[in-house]
Amino acid sequence: MIAAPGGFDQAAKEALNRLGVQWEPASAEKAYQAGRTQIPVRVVVRVKGPFHRQIAYGKHYLSIERYSS
């Protein structure tokens, strides 16, 4: 696992920030942050606009959802 605070999740989100990609947490992560008890198993973010790269490290990968506004 990546030796960074937050592990792969945080490193992938930081990569999106550095690439200048507009993103937000997916619905499962938003629900967890709002107090739901189910913990999201994989990293999923919602991306606005074109983004065709894959961010991965070993067997961990970032899943992308698309949104338009």
PDB file of N, CA and C in Angstrom:
ATOM      1  N   MET A   1       0.847  -1.186   0.000  1.00  0.00           N
ATOM      2  CA  MET A   1       0.000   0.000   0.000  1.00  0.00           C
ATOM      3  C   MET A   1       0.879   1.231   0.000  1.00  0.00           C
ATOM      4  N   ILE A   2       0.384   2.263  -0.561  1.00  0.00           N
ATOM      5  CA  ILE A   2       1.116   3.526  -0.628  1.00  0.00           C
ATOM      6  C   ILE A   2       1.321   4.063   0.777  1.00  0.00           C
ATOM      7  N   ALA A   3       2.552   4.453   1.067  1.00  0.00           N
ATOM      8  CA  ALA A   3       2.883   4.980   2.391  1.00  0.00           C
ATOM      9  C   ALA A   3       2.579   6.470   2.449  1.00  0.00           C
ATOM     10  N   ALA A   4       1.304   6.799   2.402  1.00  0.00           N
ATOM     11  CA  ALA A   4       0.864   8.195   2.470  1.00  0.00           C
ATOM     12  C   ALA A   4      -0.345   8.249   3.391  1.00  0.00           C
ATOM     13  N   PRO A   5      -0.532   9.353   4.096  1.00  0.00           N
ATOM     14  CA  PRO A   5      -1.748   9.469   4.907  1.00  0.00           C
ATOM     15  C   PRO A   5      -2.978   9.333   4.012  1.00  0.00           C
ATOM     16  N   GLY A   6      -3.875   8.418   4.364  1.00  0.00           N
ATOM     17  CA  GLY A   6      -5.066   8.199   3.542  1.00  0.00           C
ATOM     18  C   GLY A   6      -4.886   7.094   2.523  1.00  0.00           C
ATOM     19  N   GLY A   7      -3.656   6.605   2.330  1.00  0.00           N
ATOM     20  CA  GLY A   7      -3.399   5.503   1.416  1.00  0.00           C
ATOM     21  C   GLY A   7      -3.723   5.834  -0.032  1.00  0.00           C
ATOM     22  N   PHE A   8      -4.121   4.801  -0.783  1.00  0.00           N
ATOM     23  CA  PHE A   8      -4.398   4.967  -2.204  1.00  0.00           C
ATOM     24  C   PHE A   8      -5.534   5.946  -2.444  1.00  0.00           C
ATOM     25  N   ASP A   9      -6.561   5.906  -1.593  1.00  0.00           N
ATOM     26  CA  ASP A   9      -7.710   6.802  -1.763  1.00  0.00           C
ATOM     27  C   ASP A   9      -7.257   8.255  -1.859  1.00  0.00           C
ATOM     28  N   GLN A  10      -6.491   8.678  -0.890  1.00  0.00           N
ATOM     29  CA  GLN A  10      -6.060  10.068  -0.853  1.00  0.00           C
ATOM     30  C   GLN A  10      -5.067  10.387  -1.966  1.00  0.00           C
ATOM     31  N   ALA A  11      -4.179   9.457  -2.280  1.00  0.00           N
ATOM     32  CA  ALA A  11      -3.203   9.683  -3.353  1.00  0.00           C
ATOM     33  C   ALA A  11      -3.906   9.837  -4.710  1.00  0.00           C
ATOM     34  N   ALA A  12      -4.942   9.036  -4.970  1.00  0.00           N
ATOM     35  CA  ALA A  12      -5.685   9.128  -6.234  1.00  0.00           C
ATOM     36  C   ALA A  12      -6.420  10.461  -6.328  1.00  0.00           C
ATOM     37  N   LYS A  13      -7.014  10.901  -5.246  1.00  0.00           N
ATOM     38  CA  LYS A  13      -7.728  12.186  -5.243  1.00  0.00           C
ATOM     39  C   LYS A  13      -6.750  13.344  -5.426  1.00  0.00           C
ATOM     40  N   GLU A  14      -5.577  13.235  -4.831  1.00  0.00           N
ATOM     41  CA  GLU A  14      -4.554  14.270  -5.009  1.00  0.00           C
ATOM     42  C   GLU A  14      -4.074  14.298  -6.465  1.00  0.00           C
ATOM     43  N   ALA A  15      -3.966  13.131  -7.091  1.00  0.00           N
ATOM     44  CA  ALA A  15      -3.580  13.079  -8.511  1.00  0.00           C
ATOM     45  C   ALA A  15      -4.609  13.806  -9.372  1.00  0.00           C
ATOM     46  N   LEU A  16      -5.893  13.607  -9.079  1.00  0.00           N
ATOM     47  CA  LEU A  16      -6.936  14.311  -9.822  1.00  0.00           C
ATOM     48  C   LEU A  16      -6.803  15.824  -9.637  1.00  0.00           C
ATOM     49  N   ASN A  17      -6.542  16.240  -8.406  1.00  0.00           N
ATOM     50  CA  ASN A  17      -6.361  17.676  -8.138  1.00  0.00           C
ATOM     51  C   ASN A  17      -5.190  18.237  -8.932  1.00  0.00           C
ATOM     52  N   ARG A  18      -4.074  17.533  -8.946  1.00  0.00           N
ATOM     53  CA  ARG A  18      -2.888  18.011  -9.654  1.00  0.00           C
ATOM     54  C   ARG A  18      -3.076  18.027 -11.163  1.00  0.00           C
ATOM     55  N   LEU A  19      -3.936  17.150 -11.661  1.00  0.00           N
ATOM     56  CA  LEU A  19      -4.243  17.131 -13.091  1.00  0.00           C
ATOM     57  C   LEU A  19      -5.276  18.193 -13.460  1.00  0.00           C
ATOM     58  N   GLY A  20      -5.842  18.863 -12.465  1.00  0.00           N
ATOM     59  CA  GLY A  20      -6.825  19.907 -12.715  1.00  0.00           C
ATOM     60  C   GLY A  20      -8.204  19.382 -13.069  1.00  0.00           C
ATOM     61  N   VAL A  21      -8.524  18.183 -12.616  1.00  0.00           N
ATOM     62  CA  VAL A  21      -9.807  17.552 -12.913  1.00  0.00           C
ATOM     63  C   VAL A  21     -10.834  17.979 -11.866  1.00  0.00           C
ATOM     64  N   GLN A  22     -12.022  18.379 -12.319  1.00  0.00           N
ATOM     65  CA  GLN A  22     -13.105  18.697 -11.396  1.00  0.00           C
ATOM     66  C   GLN A  22     -13.753  17.392 -10.965  1.00  0.00           C
ATOM     67  N   TRP A  23     -13.759  17.112  -9.667  1.00  0.00           N
ATOM     68  CA  TRP A  23     -14.324  15.867  -9.164  1.00  0.00           C
ATOM     69  C   TRP A  23     -15.019  16.122  -7.842  1.00  0.00           C
ATOM     70  N   GLU A  24     -15.839  15.155  -7.450  1.00  0.00           N
ATOM     71  CA  GLU A  24     -16.490  15.164  -6.146  1.00  0.00           C
ATOM     72  C   GLU A  24     -16.658  13.719  -5.700  1.00  0.00           C
ATOM     73  N   PRO A  25     -16.842  13.485  -4.407  1.00  0.00           N
ATOM     74  CA  PRO A  25     -17.035  12.112  -3.945  1.00  0.00           C
ATOM     75  C   PRO A  25     -18.301  11.512  -4.559  1.00  0.00           C
ATOM     76  N   ALA A  26     -18.290  10.213  -4.769  1.00  0.00           N
ATOM     77  CA  ALA A  26     -19.457   9.516  -5.306  1.00  0.00           C
ATOM     78  C   ALA A  26     -20.520   9.406  -4.218  1.00  0.00           C
ATOM     79  N   SER A  27     -21.692   8.953  -4.600  1.00  0.00           N
ATOM     80  CA  SER A  27     -22.824   8.912  -3.683  1.00  0.00           C
ATOM     81  C   SER A  27     -22.574   8.033  -2.454  1.00  0.00           C
ATOM     82  N   ALA A  28     -21.862   6.929  -2.581  1.00  0.00           N
ATOM     83  CA  ALA A  28     -21.602   6.051  -1.435  1.00  0.00           C
ATOM     84  C   ALA A  28     -20.736   6.756  -0.391  1.00  0.00           C
ATOM     85  N   GLU A  29     -19.729   7.479  -0.836  1.00  0.00           N
ATOM     86  CA  GLU A  29     -18.869   8.193   0.103  1.00  0.00           C
ATOM     87  C   GLU A  29     -19.611   9.359   0.746  1.00  0.00           C
ATOM     88  N   LYS A  30     -20.445  10.045  -0.027  1.00  0.00           N
ATOM     89  CA  LYS A  30     -21.246  11.138   0.531  1.00  0.00           C
ATOM     90  C   LYS A  30     -22.190  10.615   1.612  1.00  0.00           C
ATOM     91  N   ALA A  31     -22.811   9.464   1.362  1.00  0.00           N
ATOM     92  CA  ALA A  31     -23.717   8.869   2.349  1.00  0.00           C
ATOM     93  C   ALA A  31     -22.955   8.503   3.620  1.00  0.00           C
ATOM     94  N   TYR A  32     -21.761   7.962   3.474  1.00  0.00           N
ATOM     95  CA  TYR A  32     -20.944   7.608   4.641  1.00  0.00           C
ATOM     96  C   TYR A  32     -20.567   8.849   5.438  1.00  0.00           C
ATOM     97  N   GLN A  33     -20.188   9.922   4.736  1.00  0.00           N
ATOM     98  CA  GLN A  33     -19.828  11.163   5.410  1.00  0.00           C
ATOM     99  C   GLN A  33     -21.037  11.794   6.096  1.00  0.00           C
ATOM    100  N   ALA A  34     -22.240  11.508   5.604  1.00  0.00           N
ATOM    101  CA  ALA A  34     -23.463  12.054   6.186  1.00  0.00           C
ATOM    102  C   ALA A  34     -23.942  11.245   7.383  1.00  0.00           C
ATOM    103  N   GLY A  35     -23.260  10.147   7.700  1.00  0.00           N
ATOM    104  CA  GLY A  35     -23.614   9.392   8.894  1.00  0.00           C
ATOM    105  C   GLY A  35     -24.077   7.971   8.681  1.00  0.00           C
ATOM    106  N   ARG A  36     -24.187   7.524   7.448  1.00  0.00           N
ATOM    107  CA  ARG A  36     -24.539   6.122   7.207  1.00  0.00           C
ATOM    108  C   ARG A  36     -23.418   5.230   7.712  1.00  0.00           C
ATOM    109  N   THR A  37     -23.730   4.014   8.080  1.00  0.00           N
ATOM    110  CA  THR A  37     -22.728   3.132   8.670  1.00  0.00           C
ATOM    111  C   THR A  37     -22.032   2.221   7.673  1.00  0.00           C
ATOM    112  N   GLN A  38     -22.524   2.136   6.444  1.00  0.00           N
ATOM    113  CA  GLN A  38     -21.879   1.279   5.459  1.00  0.00           C
ATOM    114  C   GLN A  38     -20.656   1.980   4.880  1.00  0.00           C
ATOM    115  N   ILE A  39     -19.507   1.343   5.014  1.00  0.00           N
ATOM    116  CA  ILE A  39     -18.244   1.917   4.555  1.00  0.00           C
ATOM    117  C   ILE A  39     -18.008   1.541   3.099  1.00  0.00           C
ATOM    118  N   PRO A  40     -17.730   2.521   2.235  1.00  0.00           N
ATOM    119  CA  PRO A  40     -17.436   2.198   0.829  1.00  0.00           C
ATOM    120  C   PRO A  40     -16.180   1.330   0.723  1.00  0.00           C
ATOM    121  N   VAL A  41     -16.247   0.283  -0.089  1.00  0.00           N
ATOM    122  CA  VAL A  41     -15.134  -0.645  -0.219  1.00  0.00           C
ATOM    123  C   VAL A  41     -14.081  -0.148  -1.195  1.00  0.00           C
ATOM    124  N   ARG A  42     -14.520   0.457  -2.284  1.00  0.00           N
ATOM    125  CA  ARG A  42     -13.558   0.918  -3.279  1.00  0.00           C
ATOM    126  C   ARG A  42     -13.707   2.417  -3.491  1.00  0.00           C
ATOM    127  N   VAL A  43     -12.688   2.990  -4.066  1.00  0.00           N
ATOM    128  CA  VAL A  43     -12.667   4.424  -4.300  1.00  0.00           C
ATOM    129  C   VAL A  43     -13.437   4.734  -5.575  1.00  0.00           C
ATOM    130  N   VAL A  44     -14.465   5.560  -5.457  1.00  0.00           N
ATOM    131  CA  VAL A  44     -15.244   5.992  -6.610  1.00  0.00           C
ATOM    132  C   VAL A  44     -15.411   7.500  -6.502  1.00  0.00           C
ATOM    133  N   VAL A  45     -15.132   8.198  -7.578  1.00  0.00           N
ATOM    134  CA  VAL A  45     -15.334   9.644  -7.617  1.00  0.00           C
ATOM    135  C   VAL A  45     -16.181   9.994  -8.832  1.00  0.00           C
ATOM    136  N   ARG A  46     -16.858  11.117  -8.739  1.00  0.00           N
ATOM    137  CA  ARG A  46     -17.629  11.639  -9.868  1.00  0.00           C
ATOM    138  C   ARG A  46     -16.796  12.716 -10.530  1.00  0.00           C
ATOM    139  N   VAL A  47     -16.623  12.605 -11.838  1.00  0.00           N
ATOM    140  CA  VAL A  47     -15.778  13.517 -12.594  1.00  0.00           C
ATOM    141  C   VAL A  47     -16.631  14.284 -13.591  1.00  0.00           C
ATOM    142  N   LYS A  48     -16.392  15.587 -13.666  1.00  0.00           N
ATOM    143  CA  LYS A  48     -17.093  16.421 -14.638  1.00  0.00           C
ATOM    144  C   LYS A  48     -16.169  16.651 -15.825  1.00  0.00           C
ATOM    145  N   GLY A  49     -16.701  16.471 -17.012  1.00  0.00           N
ATOM    146  CA  GLY A  49     -15.924  16.707 -18.212  1.00  0.00           C
ATOM    147  C   GLY A  49     -15.155  15.480 -18.660  1.00  0.00           C
ATOM    148  N   PRO A  50     -14.374  15.647 -19.708  1.00  0.00           N
ATOM    149  CA  PRO A  50     -13.633  14.509 -20.258  1.00  0.00           C
ATOM    150  C   PRO A  50     -12.449  14.125 -19.373  1.00  0.00           C
ATOM    151  N   PHE A  51     -12.364  12.878 -19.054  1.00  0.00           N
ATOM    152  CA  PHE A  51     -11.225  12.330 -18.321  1.00  0.00           C
ATOM    153  C   PHE A  51     -11.129  10.871 -18.725  1.00  0.00           C
ATOM    154  N   HIS A  52     -10.072  10.529 -19.447  1.00  0.00           N
ATOM    155  CA  HIS A  52      -9.964   9.185 -20.010  1.00  0.00           C
ATOM    156  C   HIS A  52      -8.753   8.431 -19.494  1.00  0.00           C
ATOM    157  N   ARG A  53      -8.191   8.871 -18.412  1.00  0.00           N
ATOM    158  CA  ARG A  53      -7.041   8.170 -17.848  1.00  0.00           C
ATOM    159  C   ARG A  53      -7.503   7.155 -16.820  1.00  0.00           C
ATOM    160  N   GLN A  54      -6.604   6.241 -16.475  1.00  0.00           N
ATOM    161  CA  GLN A  54      -6.878   5.285 -15.415  1.00  0.00           C
ATOM    162  C   GLN A  54      -5.840   5.511 -14.330  1.00  0.00           C
ATOM    163  N   ILE A  55      -6.299   5.642 -13.109  1.00  0.00           N
ATOM    164  CA  ILE A  55      -5.394   5.810 -11.980  1.00  0.00           C
ATOM    165  C   ILE A  55      -5.433   4.511 -11.184  1.00  0.00           C
ATOM    166  N   ALA A  56      -4.276   3.863 -11.074  1.00  0.00           N
ATOM    167  CA  ALA A  56      -4.213   2.578 -10.390  1.00  0.00           C
ATOM    168  C   ALA A  56      -2.847   2.405  -9.749  1.00  0.00           C
ATOM    169  N   TYR A  57      -2.817   1.542  -8.737  1.00  0.00           N
ATOM    170  CA  TYR A  57      -1.566   1.156  -8.089  1.00  0.00           C
ATOM    171  C   TYR A  57      -1.716  -0.288  -7.656  1.00  0.00           C
ATOM    172  N   GLY A  58      -0.978  -1.172  -8.299  1.00  0.00           N
ATOM    173  CA  GLY A  58      -1.117  -2.592  -7.991  1.00  0.00           C
ATOM    174  C   GLY A  58      -2.524  -3.054  -8.330  1.00  0.00           C
ATOM    175  N   LYS A  59      -3.200  -3.653  -7.357  1.00  0.00           N
ATOM    176  CA  LYS A  59      -4.571  -4.105  -7.598  1.00  0.00           C
ATOM    177  C   LYS A  59      -5.621  -3.075  -7.179  1.00  0.00           C
ATOM    178  N   HIS A  60      -5.199  -1.918  -6.743  1.00  0.00           N
ATOM    179  CA  HIS A  60      -6.117  -0.846  -6.371  1.00  0.00           C
ATOM    180  C   HIS A  60      -6.322   0.072  -7.570  1.00  0.00           C
ATOM    181  N   TYR A  61      -7.562   0.475  -7.820  1.00  0.00           N
ATOM    182  CA  TYR A  61      -7.832   1.371  -8.937  1.00  0.00           C
ATOM    183  C   TYR A  61      -8.937   2.350  -8.555  1.00  0.00           C
ATOM    184  N   LEU A  62      -8.935   3.463  -9.221  1.00  0.00           N
ATOM    185  CA  LEU A  62      -9.922   4.506  -9.004  1.00  0.00           C
ATOM    186  C   LEU A  62     -11.052   4.322 -10.001  1.00  0.00           C
ATOM    187  N   SER A  63     -12.280   4.170  -9.510  1.00  0.00           N
ATOM    188  CA  SER A  63     -13.452   4.068 -10.391  1.00  0.00           C
ATOM    189  C   SER A  63     -14.017   5.456 -10.629  1.00  0.00           C
ATOM    190  N   ILE A  64     -14.466   5.701 -11.843  1.00  0.00           N
ATOM    191  CA  ILE A  64     -14.942   7.016 -12.251  1.00  0.00           C
ATOM    192  C   ILE A  64     -16.426   6.945 -12.607  1.00  0.00           C
ATOM    193  N   GLU A  65     -17.204   7.871 -12.061  1.00  0.00           N
ATOM    194  CA  GLU A  65     -18.594   8.096 -12.489  1.00  0.00           C
ATOM    195  C   GLU A  65     -18.593   9.440 -13.209  1.00  0.00           C
ATOM    196  N   ARG A  66     -19.468   9.614 -14.152  1.00  0.00           N
ATOM    197  CA  ARG A  66     -19.564  10.874 -14.885  1.00  0.00           C
ATOM    198  C   ARG A  66     -20.775  11.658 -14.395  1.00  0.00           C
ATOM    199  N   TYR A  67     -20.644  12.972 -14.364  1.00  0.00           N
ATOM    200  CA  TYR A  67     -21.788  13.840 -14.108  1.00  0.00           C
ATOM    201  C   TYR A  67     -21.666  15.075 -14.975  1.00  0.00           C
ATOM    202  N   SER A  68     -22.771  15.755 -15.168  1.00  0.00           N
ATOM    203  CA  SER A  68     -22.737  16.842 -16.141  1.00  0.00           C
ATOM    204  C   SER A  68     -23.088  18.214 -15.573  1.00  0.00           C
ATOM    205  N   SER A  69     -23.285  18.459 -14.350  1.00  0.00           N
ATOM    206  CA  SER A  69     -23.463  19.854 -13.975  1.00  0.00           C
ATOM    207  C   SER A  69     -23.006  20.149 -12.612  1.00  0.00           C
TER     208      SER A  69
END
